[in-house]
Amino acid sequence: MGRVIAGLYKGRRLFTPEGMDTRPTTDRLKEALFGMLQFDLMGKSFLDLFSGSGQMGIEALSRGASSADLVEMDRRALSCIRKNLTSLQLTDKARVWPLDVRRAISRFETEGRQFDWIFMDPPYLKGLEDEIGSLIAGAGILAPEGTLVIESSSETVPCIDGLEKVREKVYKTTRFSFFVRKE
């Protein structure tokens, strides 16, 4: 089980899928990341790709984000997301997309949706950071003043065509890379 670190739902427990198919962001890493974002989340839209238990989108909502879209394909993880949203009474602020991330990005592009914050934590060392990041840039789903945050292995250094890296922070085996639209 995970938990919400801060904000409106601080301390509330979250269901997480059993097994090794998902790799939840640790509380320490979640606290470090949201410490960097905390003043920029209020009233913003948040997209959580490779959502797992939904903990990152839920943390964003707890800290004042106006909405969260959660994209996940794994059935066990989807069950946890739905349980977490229901137990926290967040079903009106969050939307669950049981789709492959590529399909979700295409759908958001077709609908003309844009997000202030996009967070993605793809499976480590599979090369998805650059591929999915480039799809996000090409689809135009990152709002003009928005930021894409990629969680990856510290060994992976994402480079996204069409976006500019503005910040990077490494914590032992994990890297957070921040991208914005190029001017």
Protein backbone atom coordinates (compact mmCIF):
# COMPACT_ATOMS: atom_id res chain seq x y z
CA MET A 1 0.00 0.00 0.00
CA GLY A 2 1.06 3.53 -0.77
CA ARG A 3 -0.13 6.75 0.76
CA VAL A 4 -0.85 10.36 -0.10
CA ILE A 5 2.10 12.46 1.11
CA ALA A 6 0.57 15.94 1.48
CA GLY A 7 -2.40 18.16 0.84
CA LEU A 8 -6.10 17.55 1.31
CA TYR A 9 -5.78 13.75 1.45
CA LYS A 10 -2.49 13.61 3.40
CA GLY A 11 -1.91 10.26 5.09
CA ARG A 12 -4.71 8.43 3.27
CA ARG A 13 -3.75 4.92 2.21
CA LEU A 14 -3.76 3.91 -1.45
CA PHE A 15 -4.28 0.48 -2.95
CA THR A 16 -1.40 -0.71 -5.13
CA PRO A 17 -1.24 -3.74 -7.43
CA GLU A 18 0.56 -6.79 -6.07
CA GLY A 19 3.51 -8.24 -7.95
CA MET A 20 6.32 -6.71 -9.95
CA ASP A 21 4.40 -5.60 -13.06
CA THR A 22 4.09 -2.08 -11.67
CA ARG A 23 6.79 -0.18 -9.83
CA PRO A 24 5.20 2.50 -7.63
CA THR A 25 7.18 5.68 -7.09
CA THR A 26 8.50 5.56 -3.53
CA ASP A 27 7.20 8.00 -0.95
CA ARG A 28 10.62 9.65 -0.75
CA LEU A 29 10.75 10.24 -4.52
CA LYS A 30 7.12 11.35 -4.61
CA GLU A 31 7.83 13.85 -1.83
CA ALA A 32 10.91 15.18 -3.64
CA LEU A 33 9.09 15.57 -6.95
CA PHE A 34 5.98 17.20 -5.53
CA GLY A 35 8.17 19.45 -3.39
CA MET A 36 9.46 20.85 -6.69
CA LEU A 37 5.93 21.17 -8.17
CA GLN A 38 3.85 22.18 -5.16
CA PHE A 39 3.40 25.87 -5.95
CA ASP A 40 2.65 25.23 -9.62
CA LEU A 41 -0.17 22.68 -9.32
CA MET A 42 -3.06 24.81 -8.02
CA GLY A 43 -5.90 24.80 -10.51
CA LYS A 44 -3.87 22.97 -13.18
CA SER A 45 -4.67 19.88 -15.22
CA PHE A 46 -2.52 16.79 -14.65
CA LEU A 47 -2.03 13.83 -16.99
CA ASP A 48 -0.53 10.67 -15.48
CA LEU A 49 0.75 8.24 -18.14
CA PHE A 50 1.64 4.65 -17.16
CA SER A 51 -0.42 5.46 -14.09
CA GLY A 52 -0.09 2.23 -12.08
CA SER A 53 -2.15 2.76 -8.91
CA GLY A 54 -2.91 6.37 -9.86
CA GLN A 55 -0.88 7.67 -6.92
CA MET A 56 0.81 10.50 -8.85
CA GLY A 57 -2.46 11.89 -10.22
CA ILE A 58 -4.08 11.53 -6.80
CA GLU A 59 -1.15 13.32 -5.15
CA ALA A 60 -1.54 16.15 -7.69
CA LEU A 61 -5.27 16.42 -6.87
CA SER A 62 -4.51 16.37 -3.15
CA ARG A 63 -2.18 19.32 -3.70
CA GLY A 64 -4.68 21.42 -5.64
CA ALA A 65 -4.69 20.27 -9.28
CA SER A 66 -8.11 20.88 -10.84
CA SER A 67 -8.25 17.56 -12.69
CA ALA A 68 -6.27 14.39 -13.32
CA ASP A 69 -6.41 12.04 -16.29
CA LEU A 70 -4.95 8.60 -15.55
CA VAL A 71 -3.83 6.32 -18.39
CA GLU A 72 -3.21 2.65 -17.60
CA MET A 73 -3.77 -0.68 -19.37
CA ASP A 74 -3.09 -3.28 -16.68
CA ARG A 75 -6.39 -4.62 -15.28
CA ARG A 76 -5.09 -5.06 -11.73
CA ALA A 77 -3.70 -1.54 -11.72
CA LEU A 78 -6.97 -0.17 -13.15
CA SER A 79 -8.86 -1.86 -10.34
CA CYS A 80 -6.60 -0.15 -7.79
CA ILE A 81 -7.01 3.24 -9.49
CA ARG A 82 -10.78 2.95 -9.37
CA LYS A 83 -10.75 1.82 -5.71
CA ASN A 84 -8.45 4.72 -4.79
CA LEU A 85 -10.56 7.32 -6.59
CA THR A 86 -13.76 5.97 -5.06
CA SER A 87 -12.38 5.78 -1.51
CA LEU A 88 -11.13 9.38 -1.73
CA GLN A 89 -14.32 10.57 -3.49
CA LEU A 90 -12.31 11.87 -6.45
CA THR A 91 -14.30 10.31 -9.27
CA ASP A 92 -15.60 13.76 -10.28
CA LYS A 93 -12.07 15.21 -10.64
CA ALA A 94 -10.31 12.27 -12.24
CA ARG A 95 -10.86 10.36 -15.44
CA VAL A 96 -9.45 6.88 -16.02
CA TRP A 97 -8.37 5.88 -19.52
CA PRO A 98 -7.92 2.08 -19.91
CA LEU A 99 -5.82 2.52 -23.04
CA ASP A 100 -2.33 2.04 -24.37
CA VAL A 101 -0.47 5.33 -23.81
CA ARG A 102 0.04 5.82 -27.56
CA ARG A 103 -3.70 5.50 -28.21
CA ALA A 104 -4.51 7.86 -25.34
CA ILE A 105 -2.14 10.52 -26.72
CA SER A 106 -3.73 10.16 -30.16
CA ARG A 107 -7.20 10.50 -28.64
CA PHE A 108 -6.24 13.60 -26.64
CA GLU A 109 -4.78 15.12 -29.82
CA THR A 110 -7.98 14.38 -31.77
CA GLU A 111 -10.06 15.96 -29.00
CA GLY A 112 -7.78 19.02 -28.86
CA ARG A 113 -6.97 18.42 -25.18
CA GLN A 114 -3.95 20.02 -23.53
CA PHE A 115 -2.49 19.46 -20.08
CA ASP A 116 -0.55 21.80 -17.81
CA TRP A 117 1.40 18.92 -16.28
CA ILE A 118 2.16 15.59 -17.90
CA PHE A 119 3.89 12.98 -15.78
CA MET A 120 5.10 9.70 -17.17
CA ASP A 121 6.84 6.82 -15.51
CA PRO A 122 7.21 4.16 -18.20
CA PRO A 123 8.79 0.77 -17.53
CA TYR A 124 12.51 1.39 -17.01
CA LEU A 125 15.14 0.64 -19.67
CA LYS A 126 12.70 -0.07 -22.51
CA GLY A 127 13.42 3.12 -24.47
CA LEU A 128 9.89 4.47 -24.05
CA GLU A 129 10.91 7.84 -22.62
CA ASP A 130 12.07 9.33 -25.95
CA GLU A 131 9.37 7.62 -28.03
CA ILE A 132 6.42 8.67 -25.86
CA GLY A 133 7.93 12.10 -25.15
CA SER A 134 8.23 12.76 -28.88
CA LEU A 135 4.62 11.62 -29.40
CA ILE A 136 3.52 14.11 -26.71
CA ALA A 137 5.49 16.92 -28.38
CA GLY A 138 4.13 16.09 -31.84
CA ALA A 139 0.53 15.75 -30.66
CA GLY A 140 0.52 19.19 -29.06
CA ILE A 141 -1.13 17.95 -25.86
CA LEU A 142 1.31 19.84 -23.63
CA ALA A 143 -0.18 23.26 -22.87
CA PRO A 144 1.87 26.30 -23.99
CA GLU A 145 3.12 26.93 -20.43
CA GLY A 146 3.00 23.22 -19.52
CA THR A 147 5.70 20.87 -18.31
CA LEU A 148 6.39 17.22 -19.07
CA VAL A 149 8.06 15.33 -16.22
CA ILE A 150 9.66 11.99 -17.00
CA GLU A 151 10.64 9.56 -14.27
CA SER A 152 13.28 7.16 -15.54
CA SER A 153 16.22 5.07 -14.46
CA SER A 154 19.22 7.23 -13.54
CA GLU A 155 20.98 5.47 -16.45
CA THR A 156 18.47 6.89 -18.94
CA VAL A 157 18.91 10.45 -20.17
CA PRO A 158 15.75 11.39 -22.10
CA CYS A 159 16.12 13.61 -25.17
CA ILE A 160 12.78 14.65 -26.66
CA ASP A 161 12.45 16.08 -30.18
CA GLY A 162 10.38 19.26 -30.05
CA LEU A 163 10.80 19.87 -26.32
CA GLU A 164 13.52 21.58 -24.30
CA LYS A 165 14.93 20.05 -21.11
CA VAL A 166 14.89 22.73 -18.42
CA ARG A 167 15.69 20.76 -15.28
CA GLU A 168 16.97 17.39 -14.18
CA LYS A 169 17.36 15.81 -10.76
CA VAL A 170 18.91 12.41 -10.00
CA TYR A 171 18.13 10.46 -6.82
CA LYS A 172 20.32 7.35 -6.61
CA THR A 173 18.70 5.06 -9.24
CA THR A 174 15.96 7.45 -10.43
CA ARG A 175 16.05 10.52 -12.67
CA PHE A 176 13.39 13.23 -13.03
CA SER A 177 13.66 15.19 -16.29
CA PHE A 178 11.54 18.32 -16.90
CA PHE A 179 10.66 19.46 -20.44
CA VAL A 180 8.80 22.47 -21.83
CA ARG A 181 7.85 23.52 -25.34
CA LYS A 182 10.66 25.05 -27.37
CA GLU A 183 10.24 28.76 -28.03
